[in-house]
PDB file of N, CA and C in Angstrom:
ATOM      1  N   ASN A   1      -3.024  36.705  33.134  1.00  0.00           N
ATOM      2  CA  ASN A   1      -2.299  36.218  34.280  1.00  0.00           C
ATOM      3  C   ASN A   1      -1.538  37.352  34.966  1.00  0.00           C
ATOM      4  N   TYR A   2      -1.987  38.577  34.846  1.00  0.00           N
ATOM      5  CA  TYR A   2      -1.304  39.718  35.435  1.00  0.00           C
ATOM      6  C   TYR A   2      -2.164  40.258  36.559  1.00  0.00           C
ATOM      7  N   LEU A   3      -1.566  40.458  37.723  1.00  0.00           N
ATOM      8  CA  LEU A   3      -2.297  41.032  38.849  1.00  0.00           C
ATOM      9  C   LEU A   3      -1.997  42.520  38.916  1.00  0.00           C
ATOM     10  N   ASP A   4      -3.034  43.327  38.911  1.00  0.00           N
ATOM     11  CA  ASP A   4      -2.857  44.777  38.986  1.00  0.00           C
ATOM     12  C   ASP A   4      -3.177  45.213  40.408  1.00  0.00           C
ATOM     13  N   PHE A   5      -2.166  45.687  41.099  1.00  0.00           N
ATOM     14  CA  PHE A   5      -2.355  46.135  42.470  1.00  0.00           C
ATOM     15  C   PHE A   5      -2.654  47.627  42.555  1.00  0.00           C
ATOM     16  N   GLY A   6      -2.717  48.303  41.446  1.00  0.00           N
ATOM     17  CA  GLY A   6      -3.047  49.716  41.442  1.00  0.00           C
ATOM     18  C   GLY A   6      -1.928  50.600  41.954  1.00  0.00           C
ATOM     19  N   ILE A   7      -0.688  50.171  41.829  1.00  0.00           N
ATOM     20  CA  ILE A   7       0.451  50.973  42.268  1.00  0.00           C
ATOM     21  C   ILE A   7       0.902  51.802  41.079  1.00  0.00           C
ATOM     22  N   PRO A   8       0.876  53.132  41.207  1.00  0.00           N
ATOM     23  CA  PRO A   8       1.297  53.967  40.081  1.00  0.00           C
ATOM     24  C   PRO A   8       2.773  53.743  39.765  1.00  0.00           C
ATOM     25  N   PRO A   9       3.157  53.854  38.492  1.00  0.00           N
ATOM     26  CA  PRO A   9       4.566  53.687  38.126  1.00  0.00           C
ATOM     27  C   PRO A   9       5.437  54.710  38.848  1.00  0.00           C
ATOM     28  N   GLY A  10       6.606  54.281  39.289  1.00  0.00           N
ATOM     29  CA  GLY A  10       7.545  55.160  39.966  1.00  0.00           C
ATOM     30  C   GLY A  10       7.356  55.228  41.465  1.00  0.00           C
ATOM     31  N   THR A  11       6.309  54.616  41.995  1.00  0.00           N
ATOM     32  CA  THR A  11       6.073  54.635  43.433  1.00  0.00           C
ATOM     33  C   THR A  11       7.026  53.650  44.107  1.00  0.00           C
ATOM     34  N   PRO A  12       7.758  54.095  45.161  1.00  0.00           N
ATOM     35  CA  PRO A  12       8.632  53.138  45.850  1.00  0.00           C
ATOM     36  C   PRO A  12       7.789  52.045  46.507  1.00  0.00           C
ATOM     37  N   LEU A  13       8.295  50.832  46.459  1.00  0.00           N
ATOM     38  CA  LEU A  13       7.535  49.710  47.001  1.00  0.00           C
ATOM     39  C   LEU A  13       7.612  49.639  48.520  1.00  0.00           C
ATOM     40  N   SER A  14       8.606  50.272  49.130  1.00  0.00           N
ATOM     41  CA  SER A  14       8.699  50.254  50.579  1.00  0.00           C
ATOM     42  C   SER A  14       9.438  51.504  51.030  1.00  0.00           C
ATOM     43  N   ASN A  15       8.934  52.128  52.063  1.00  0.00           N
ATOM     44  CA  ASN A  15       9.628  53.281  52.632  1.00  0.00           C
ATOM     45  C   ASN A  15       9.880  53.070  54.118  1.00  0.00           C
ATOM     46  N   GLY A  16       9.828  51.832  54.543  1.00  0.00           N
ATOM     47  CA  GLY A  16      10.050  51.549  55.950  1.00  0.00           C
ATOM     48  C   GLY A  16       9.504  50.188  56.302  1.00  0.00           C
ATOM     49  N   PRO A  17       9.247  49.964  57.572  1.00  0.00           N
ATOM     50  CA  PRO A  17       8.733  48.661  57.989  1.00  0.00           C
ATOM     51  C   PRO A  17       7.333  48.420  57.438  1.00  0.00           C
ATOM     52  N   LEU A  18       7.009  47.181  57.190  1.00  0.00           N
ATOM     53  CA  LEU A  18       5.690  46.836  56.682  1.00  0.00           C
ATOM     54  C   LEU A  18       4.719  46.696  57.844  1.00  0.00           C
ATOM     55  N   TRP A  19       3.505  47.167  57.641  1.00  0.00           N
ATOM     56  CA  TRP A  19       2.460  47.056  58.641  1.00  0.00           C
ATOM     57  C   TRP A  19       1.214  46.588  57.940  1.00  0.00           C
ATOM     58  N   PHE A  20       0.598  45.556  58.448  1.00  0.00           N
ATOM     59  CA  PHE A  20      -0.598  45.011  57.843  1.00  0.00           C
ATOM     60  C   PHE A  20      -1.785  45.336  58.730  1.00  0.00           C
ATOM     61  N   PRO A  21      -2.798  46.012  58.178  1.00  0.00           N
ATOM     62  CA  PRO A  21      -3.987  46.324  58.988  1.00  0.00           C
ATOM     63  C   PRO A  21      -4.630  45.031  59.479  1.00  0.00           C
ATOM     64  N   GLY A  22      -5.058  45.040  60.718  1.00  0.00           N
ATOM     65  CA  GLY A  22      -5.689  43.860  61.288  1.00  0.00           C
ATOM     66  C   GLY A  22      -4.677  42.816  61.718  1.00  0.00           C
ATOM     67  N   GLY A  23      -3.402  43.157  61.694  1.00  0.00           N
ATOM     68  CA  GLY A  23      -2.378  42.196  62.077  1.00  0.00           C
ATOM     69  C   GLY A  23      -2.265  42.027  63.577  1.00  0.00           C
ATOM     70  N   GLY A  24      -2.960  42.853  64.335  1.00  0.00           N
ATOM     71  CA  GLY A  24      -2.946  42.693  65.782  1.00  0.00           C
ATOM     72  C   GLY A  24      -2.044  43.681  66.486  1.00  0.00           C
ATOM     73  N   THR A  25      -0.898  43.993  65.918  1.00  0.00           N
ATOM     74  CA  THR A  25       0.001  44.940  66.564  1.00  0.00           C
ATOM     75  C   THR A  25       0.527  45.889  65.515  1.00  0.00           C
ATOM     76  N   SER A  26       0.909  47.044  65.957  1.00  0.00           N
ATOM     77  CA  SER A  26       1.530  47.993  65.043  1.00  0.00           C
ATOM     78  C   SER A  26       3.029  47.929  65.258  1.00  0.00           C
ATOM     79  N   TYR A  27       3.741  48.480  64.332  1.00  0.00           N
ATOM     80  CA  TYR A  27       5.200  48.440  64.417  1.00  0.00           C
ATOM     81  C   TYR A  27       5.674  49.387  65.497  1.00  0.00           C
ATOM     82  N   GLU A  28       6.541  48.903  66.345  1.00  0.00           N
ATOM     83  CA  GLU A  28       7.198  49.740  67.337  1.00  0.00           C
ATOM     84  C   GLU A  28       8.685  49.489  67.222  1.00  0.00           C
ATOM     85  N   PRO A  29       9.469  50.558  67.174  1.00  0.00           N
ATOM     86  CA  PRO A  29      10.912  50.342  67.073  1.00  0.00           C
ATOM     87  C   PRO A  29      11.420  49.603  68.306  1.00  0.00           C
ATOM     88  N   PRO A  30      12.442  48.783  68.147  1.00  0.00           N
ATOM     89  CA  PRO A  30      12.951  48.037  69.304  1.00  0.00           C
ATOM     90  C   PRO A  30      13.537  48.975  70.342  1.00  0.00           C
ATOM     91  N   THR A  31      13.324  48.623  71.592  1.00  0.00           N
ATOM     92  CA  THR A  31      13.874  49.429  72.682  1.00  0.00           C
ATOM     93  C   THR A  31      15.208  48.830  73.092  1.00  0.00           C
ATOM     94  N   ALA A  32      16.033  49.668  73.661  1.00  0.00           N
ATOM     95  CA  ALA A  32      17.349  49.206  74.103  1.00  0.00           C
ATOM     96  C   ALA A  32      17.166  48.280  75.300  1.00  0.00           C
ATOM     97  N   THR A  33      17.890  47.201  75.310  1.00  0.00           N
ATOM     98  CA  THR A  33      17.794  46.281  76.439  1.00  0.00           C
ATOM     99  C   THR A  33      18.603  46.841  77.602  1.00  0.00           C
ATOM    100  N   PRO A  34      18.055  46.777  78.795  1.00  0.00           N
ATOM    101  CA  PRO A  34      18.799  47.321  79.942  1.00  0.00           C
ATOM    102  C   PRO A  34      20.029  46.463  80.223  1.00  0.00           C
ATOM    103  N   THR A  35      21.088  47.143  80.568  1.00  0.00           N
ATOM    104  CA  THR A  35      22.308  46.413  80.916  1.00  0.00           C
ATOM    105  C   THR A  35      22.282  46.120  82.405  1.00  0.00           C
ATOM    106  N   ILE A  36      22.727  44.955  82.755  1.00  0.00           N
ATOM    107  CA  ILE A  36      22.736  44.537  84.157  1.00  0.00           C
ATOM    108  C   ILE A  36      24.097  44.886  84.747  1.00  0.00           C
ATOM    109  N   THR A  37      24.059  45.651  85.814  1.00  0.00           N
ATOM    110  CA  THR A  37      25.294  46.027  86.489  1.00  0.00           C
ATOM    111  C   THR A  37      25.609  44.960  87.522  1.00  0.00           C
ATOM    112  N   PRO A  38      26.770  44.341  87.417  1.00  0.00           N
ATOM    113  CA  PRO A  38      27.084  43.301  88.405  1.00  0.00           C
ATOM    114  C   PRO A  38      27.248  43.904  89.791  1.00  0.00           C
ATOM    115  N   THR A  39      26.786  43.183  90.769  1.00  0.00           N
ATOM    116  CA  THR A  39      26.932  43.638  92.151  1.00  0.00           C
ATOM    117  C   THR A  39      28.097  42.888  92.779  1.00  0.00           C
ATOM    118  N   PRO A  40      28.840  43.557  93.647  1.00  0.00           N
ATOM    119  CA  PRO A  40      29.973  42.869  94.276  1.00  0.00           C
ATOM    120  C   PRO A  40      29.476  41.754  95.186  1.00  0.00           C
ATOM    121  N   THR A  41      30.203  40.687  95.197  1.00  0.00           N
ATOM    122  CA  THR A  41      29.856  39.558  96.065  1.00  0.00           C
ATOM    123  C   THR A  41      31.047  39.248  96.960  1.00  0.00           C
ATOM    124  N   ASN A  42      30.774  38.559  98.009  1.00  0.00           N
ATOM    125  CA  ASN A  42      31.849  38.148  98.908  1.00  0.00           C
ATOM    126  C   ASN A  42      32.485  36.894  98.328  1.00  0.00           C
ATOM    127  N   THR A  43      33.692  37.036  97.861  1.00  0.00           N
ATOM    128  CA  THR A  43      34.391  35.876  97.322  1.00  0.00           C
ATOM    129  C   THR A  43      35.197  35.236  98.436  1.00  0.00           C
ATOM    130  N   PRO A  44      35.097  33.926  98.581  1.00  0.00           N
ATOM    131  CA  PRO A  44      35.857  33.269  99.654  1.00  0.00           C
ATOM    132  C   PRO A  44      37.345  33.301  99.346  1.00  0.00           C
ATOM    133  N   ILE A  45      38.112  33.427 100.390  1.00  0.00           N
ATOM    134  CA  ILE A  45      39.566  33.447 100.252  1.00  0.00           C
ATOM    135  C   ILE A  45      40.036  32.001 100.318  1.00  0.00           C
ATOM    136  N   PRO A  46      40.811  31.564  99.336  1.00  0.00           N
ATOM    137  CA  PRO A  46      41.268  30.167  99.385  1.00  0.00           C
ATOM    138  C   PRO A  46      42.180  29.950 100.579  1.00  0.00           C
ATOM    139  N   THR A  47      41.994  28.828 101.240  1.00  0.00           N
ATOM    140  CA  THR A  47      42.785  28.543 102.437  1.00  0.00           C
ATOM    141  C   THR A  47      44.023  27.731 102.122  1.00  0.00           C
ATOM    142  N   ALA A  48      43.950  26.860 101.155  1.00  0.00           N
ATOM    143  CA  ALA A  48      45.113  26.040 100.821  1.00  0.00           C
ATOM    144  C   ALA A  48      45.117  25.833  99.309  1.00  0.00           C
ATOM    145  N   THR A  49      46.294  25.676  98.801  1.00  0.00           N
ATOM    146  CA  THR A  49      46.392  25.420  97.371  1.00  0.00           C
ATOM    147  C   THR A  49      46.649  23.942  97.156  1.00  0.00           C
ATOM    148  N   THR A  50      46.132  23.439  96.088  1.00  0.00           N
ATOM    149  CA  THR A  50      46.319  22.032  95.755  1.00  0.00           C
ATOM    150  C   THR A  50      47.630  21.889  95.008  1.00  0.00           C
ATOM    151  N   PRO A  51      48.468  20.928  95.413  1.00  0.00           N
ATOM    152  CA  PRO A  51      49.730  20.757  94.688  1.00  0.00           C
ATOM    153  C   PRO A  51      49.445  20.302  93.256  1.00  0.00           C
ATOM    154  N   PRO A  52      50.327  20.670  92.357  1.00  0.00           N
ATOM    155  CA  PRO A  52      50.095  20.270  90.970  1.00  0.00           C
ATOM    156  C   PRO A  52      50.148  18.754  90.831  1.00  0.00           C
ATOM    157  N   GLN A  53      49.306  18.247  89.998  1.00  0.00           N
ATOM    158  CA  GLN A  53      49.244  16.805  89.774  1.00  0.00           C
ATOM    159  C   GLN A  53      50.335  16.390  88.798  1.00  0.00           C
ATOM    160  N   ALA A  54      50.888  15.217  89.041  1.00  0.00           N
ATOM    161  CA  ALA A  54      51.915  14.693  88.140  1.00  0.00           C
ATOM    162  C   ALA A  54      51.239  14.242  86.854  1.00  0.00           C
ATOM    163  N   THR A  55      51.855  14.586  85.769  1.00  0.00           N
ATOM    164  CA  THR A  55      51.293  14.171  84.488  1.00  0.00           C
ATOM    165  C   THR A  55      52.056  12.960  83.993  1.00  0.00           C
ATOM    166  N   SER A  56      51.346  12.050  83.405  1.00  0.00           N
ATOM    167  CA  SER A  56      52.009  10.857  82.882  1.00  0.00           C
ATOM    168  C   SER A  56      52.186  11.015  81.377  1.00  0.00           C
ATOM    169  N   THR A  57      53.305  10.525  80.907  1.00  0.00           N
ATOM    170  CA  THR A  57      53.583  10.581  79.481  1.00  0.00           C
ATOM    171  C   THR A  57      53.015   9.322  78.848  1.00  0.00           C
ATOM    172  N   PRO A  58      52.157   9.463  77.857  1.00  0.00           N
ATOM    173  CA  PRO A  58      51.580   8.267  77.247  1.00  0.00           C
ATOM    174  C   PRO A  58      52.645   7.473  76.502  1.00  0.00           C
ATOM    175  N   THR A  59      52.516   6.169  76.556  1.00  0.00           N
ATOM    176  CA  THR A  59      53.449   5.291  75.855  1.00  0.00           C
ATOM    177  C   THR A  59      53.083   5.288  74.377  1.00  0.00           C
ATOM    178  N   PRO A  60      54.065   5.547  73.518  1.00  0.00           N
ATOM    179  CA  PRO A  60      53.723   5.552  72.094  1.00  0.00           C
ATOM    180  C   PRO A  60      53.338   4.149  71.631  1.00  0.00           C
ATOM    181  N   ILE A  61      52.377   4.095  70.764  1.00  0.00           N
ATOM    182  CA  ILE A  61      51.911   2.818  70.237  1.00  0.00           C
ATOM    183  C   ILE A  61      52.675   2.526  68.954  1.00  0.00           C
ATOM    184  N   THR A  62      53.306   1.369  68.943  1.00  0.00           N
ATOM    185  CA  THR A  62      54.049   0.972  67.756  1.00  0.00           C
ATOM    186  C   THR A  62      53.135   0.112  66.896  1.00  0.00           C
ATOM    187  N   PRO A  63      52.901   0.505  65.665  1.00  0.00           N
ATOM    188  CA  PRO A  63      51.999  -0.294  64.828  1.00  0.00           C
ATOM    189  C   PRO A  63      52.626  -1.642  64.488  1.00  0.00           C
ATOM    190  N   THR A  64      51.807  -2.657  64.437  1.00  0.00           N
ATOM    191  CA  THR A  64      52.273  -3.992  64.074  1.00  0.00           C
ATOM    192  C   THR A  64      52.434  -4.042  62.560  1.00  0.00           C
ATOM    193  N   PRO A  65      53.615  -4.460  62.094  1.00  0.00           N
ATOM    194  CA  PRO A  65      53.782  -4.504  60.641  1.00  0.00           C
ATOM    195  C   PRO A  65      52.878  -5.562  60.030  1.00  0.00           C
ATOM    196  N   ARG A  66      52.299  -5.228  58.915  1.00  0.00           N
ATOM    197  CA  ARG A  66      51.429  -6.159  58.208  1.00  0.00           C
ATOM    198  C   ARG A  66      52.172  -6.697  56.997  1.00  0.00           C
ATOM    199  N   PRO A  67      51.907  -7.945  56.655  1.00  0.00           N
ATOM    200  CA  PRO A  67      52.584  -8.483  55.475  1.00  0.00           C
ATOM    201  C   PRO A  67      52.095  -7.767  54.220  1.00  0.00           C
ATOM    202  N   THR A  68      53.040  -7.502  53.362  1.00  0.00           N
ATOM    203  CA  THR A  68      52.660  -6.854  52.108  1.00  0.00           C
ATOM    204  C   THR A  68      52.390  -7.939  51.085  1.00  0.00           C
ATOM    205  N   HIS A  69      51.358  -7.776  50.355  1.00  0.00           N
ATOM    206  CA  HIS A  69      50.984  -8.753  49.345  1.00  0.00           C
ATOM    207  C   HIS A  69      51.578  -8.340  48.014  1.00  0.00           C
ATOM    208  N   THR A  70      52.322  -9.258  47.433  1.00  0.00           N
ATOM    209  CA  THR A  70      52.899  -8.992  46.123  1.00  0.00           C
ATOM    210  C   THR A  70      51.933  -9.544  45.084  1.00  0.00           C
ATOM    211  N   PRO A  71      51.477  -8.710  44.198  1.00  0.00           N
ATOM    212  CA  PRO A  71      50.535  -9.222  43.195  1.00  0.00           C
ATOM    213  C   PRO A  71      51.227 -10.225  42.273  1.00  0.00           C
ATOM    214  N   THR A  72      50.526 -11.278  41.985  1.00  0.00           N
ATOM    215  CA  THR A  72      51.079 -12.273  41.069  1.00  0.00           C
ATOM    216  C   THR A  72      50.645 -11.923  39.657  1.00  0.00           C
ATOM    217  N   ALA A  73      51.535 -12.178  38.728  1.00  0.00           N
ATOM    218  CA  ALA A  73      51.233 -11.854  37.337  1.00  0.00           C
ATOM    219  C   ALA A  73      50.207 -12.842  36.808  1.00  0.00           C
ATOM    220  N   THR A  74      49.206 -12.312  36.158  1.00  0.00           N
ATOM    221  CA  THR A  74      48.191 -13.154  35.548  1.00  0.00           C
ATOM    222  C   THR A  74      48.672 -13.514  34.148  1.00  0.00           C
ATOM    223  N   PRO A  75      48.723 -14.803  33.836  1.00  0.00           N
ATOM    224  CA  PRO A  75      49.197 -15.153  32.491  1.00  0.00           C
ATOM    225  C   PRO A  75      48.214 -14.654  31.441  1.00  0.00           C
ATOM    226  N   THR A  76      48.765 -14.093  30.419  1.00  0.00           N
ATOM    227  CA  THR A  76      47.911 -13.597  29.338  1.00  0.00           C
ATOM    228  C   THR A  76      47.916 -14.612  28.211  1.00  0.00           C
ATOM    229  N   VAL A  77      46.749 -14.906  27.734  1.00  0.00           N
ATOM    230  CA  VAL A  77      46.606 -15.848  26.628  1.00  0.00           C
ATOM    231  C   VAL A  77      46.538 -15.019  25.357  1.00  0.00           C
ATOM    232  N   PRO A  78      47.392 -15.316  24.384  1.00  0.00           N
ATOM    233  CA  PRO A  78      47.338 -14.527  23.156  1.00  0.00           C
ATOM    234  C   PRO A  78      46.019 -14.773  22.440  1.00  0.00           C
ATOM    235  N   LEU A  79      45.474 -13.715  21.901  1.00  0.00           N
ATOM    236  CA  LEU A  79      44.222 -13.820  21.164  1.00  0.00           C
ATOM    237  C   LEU A  79      44.494 -14.492  19.824  1.00  0.00           C
ATOM    238  N   PRO A  80      43.577 -15.313  19.376  1.00  0.00           N
ATOM    239  CA  PRO A  80      43.800 -15.945  18.071  1.00  0.00           C
ATOM    240  C   PRO A  80      43.758 -14.886  16.979  1.00  0.00           C
ATOM    241  N   THR A  81      44.656 -15.042  16.049  1.00  0.00           N
ATOM    242  CA  THR A  81      44.690 -14.098  14.933  1.00  0.00           C
ATOM    243  C   THR A  81      43.880 -14.680  13.792  1.00  0.00           C
ATOM    244  N   ALA A  82      43.186 -13.846  13.114  1.00  0.00           N
ATOM    245  CA  ALA A  82      42.356 -14.304  11.998  1.00  0.00           C
ATOM    246  C   ALA A  82      43.238 -14.568  10.787  1.00  0.00           C
ATOM    247  N   THR A  83      43.002 -15.691  10.151  1.00  0.00           N
ATOM    248  CA  THR A  83      43.740 -16.019   8.937  1.00  0.00           C
ATOM    249  C   THR A  83      42.983 -15.409   7.768  1.00  0.00           C
ATOM    250  N   PRO A  84      43.655 -14.612   6.970  1.00  0.00           N
ATOM    251  CA  PRO A  84      42.929 -13.996   5.857  1.00  0.00           C
ATOM    252  C   PRO A  84      42.503 -15.070   4.853  1.00  0.00           C
ATOM    253  N   THR A  85      41.296 -14.946   4.420  1.00  0.00           N
ATOM    254  CA  THR A  85      40.807 -15.893   3.407  1.00  0.00           C
ATOM    255  C   THR A  85      40.887 -15.222   2.045  1.00  0.00           C
ATOM    256  N   VAL A  86      41.403 -15.971   1.108  1.00  0.00           N
ATOM    257  CA  VAL A  86      41.555 -15.454  -0.256  1.00  0.00           C
ATOM    258  C   VAL A  86      40.443 -16.071  -1.091  1.00  0.00           C
ATOM    259  N   PRO A  87      39.667 -15.248  -1.748  1.00  0.00           N
ATOM    260  CA  PRO A  87      38.598 -15.824  -2.577  1.00  0.00           C
ATOM    261  C   PRO A  87      39.208 -16.615  -3.738  1.00  0.00           C
ATOM    262  N   PRO A  88      38.535 -17.638  -4.154  1.00  0.00           N
ATOM    263  CA  PRO A  88      39.082 -18.420  -5.270  1.00  0.00           C
ATOM    264  C   PRO A  88      39.152 -17.576  -6.537  1.00  0.00           C
ATOM    265  N   TYR A  89      40.166 -17.877  -7.331  1.00  0.00           N
ATOM    266  CA  TYR A  89      40.361 -17.133  -8.582  1.00  0.00           C
ATOM    267  C   TYR A  89      39.489 -17.756  -9.654  1.00  0.00           C
ATOM    268  N   ILE A  90      38.661 -16.953 -10.236  1.00  0.00           N
ATOM    269  CA  ILE A  90      37.811 -17.422 -11.325  1.00  0.00           C
ATOM    270  C   ILE A  90      38.252 -16.676 -12.576  1.00  0.00           C
ATOM    271  N   PRO A  91      38.778 -17.436 -13.576  1.00  0.00           N
ATOM    272  CA  PRO A  91      39.250 -16.734 -14.786  1.00  0.00           C
ATOM    273  C   PRO A  91      38.139 -16.261 -15.685  1.00  0.00           C
TER     274      PRO A  91
END
C-alpha cells in the first residue's frame, strides 16, 4: 500500500509555485493593479440649508405588573415503615 513517486530522500517537495504540464496555463506572477486617479468634478454649490428636524422623545413603556404565583406546598404522605419480623424460636 505504498506509492513510490521516485523522489530521492532529502529533495525539497516544493521550491515555488506548482505547475502541472498540460494544465493549460503556466504560472505568471500577479501584476500590480493600476490605481485609478480620481478626476475633479463640478460639485454643485448648495443653495439653501434644511433646518434641523425636531426630534421626539419616545415615551417610556411601563411594564404591566404580572401576578406572582406562590407555590402551594404539596402534602407529603409518610412512607410505610416495615415492621421487623422475628422468626419463631425453636428450642
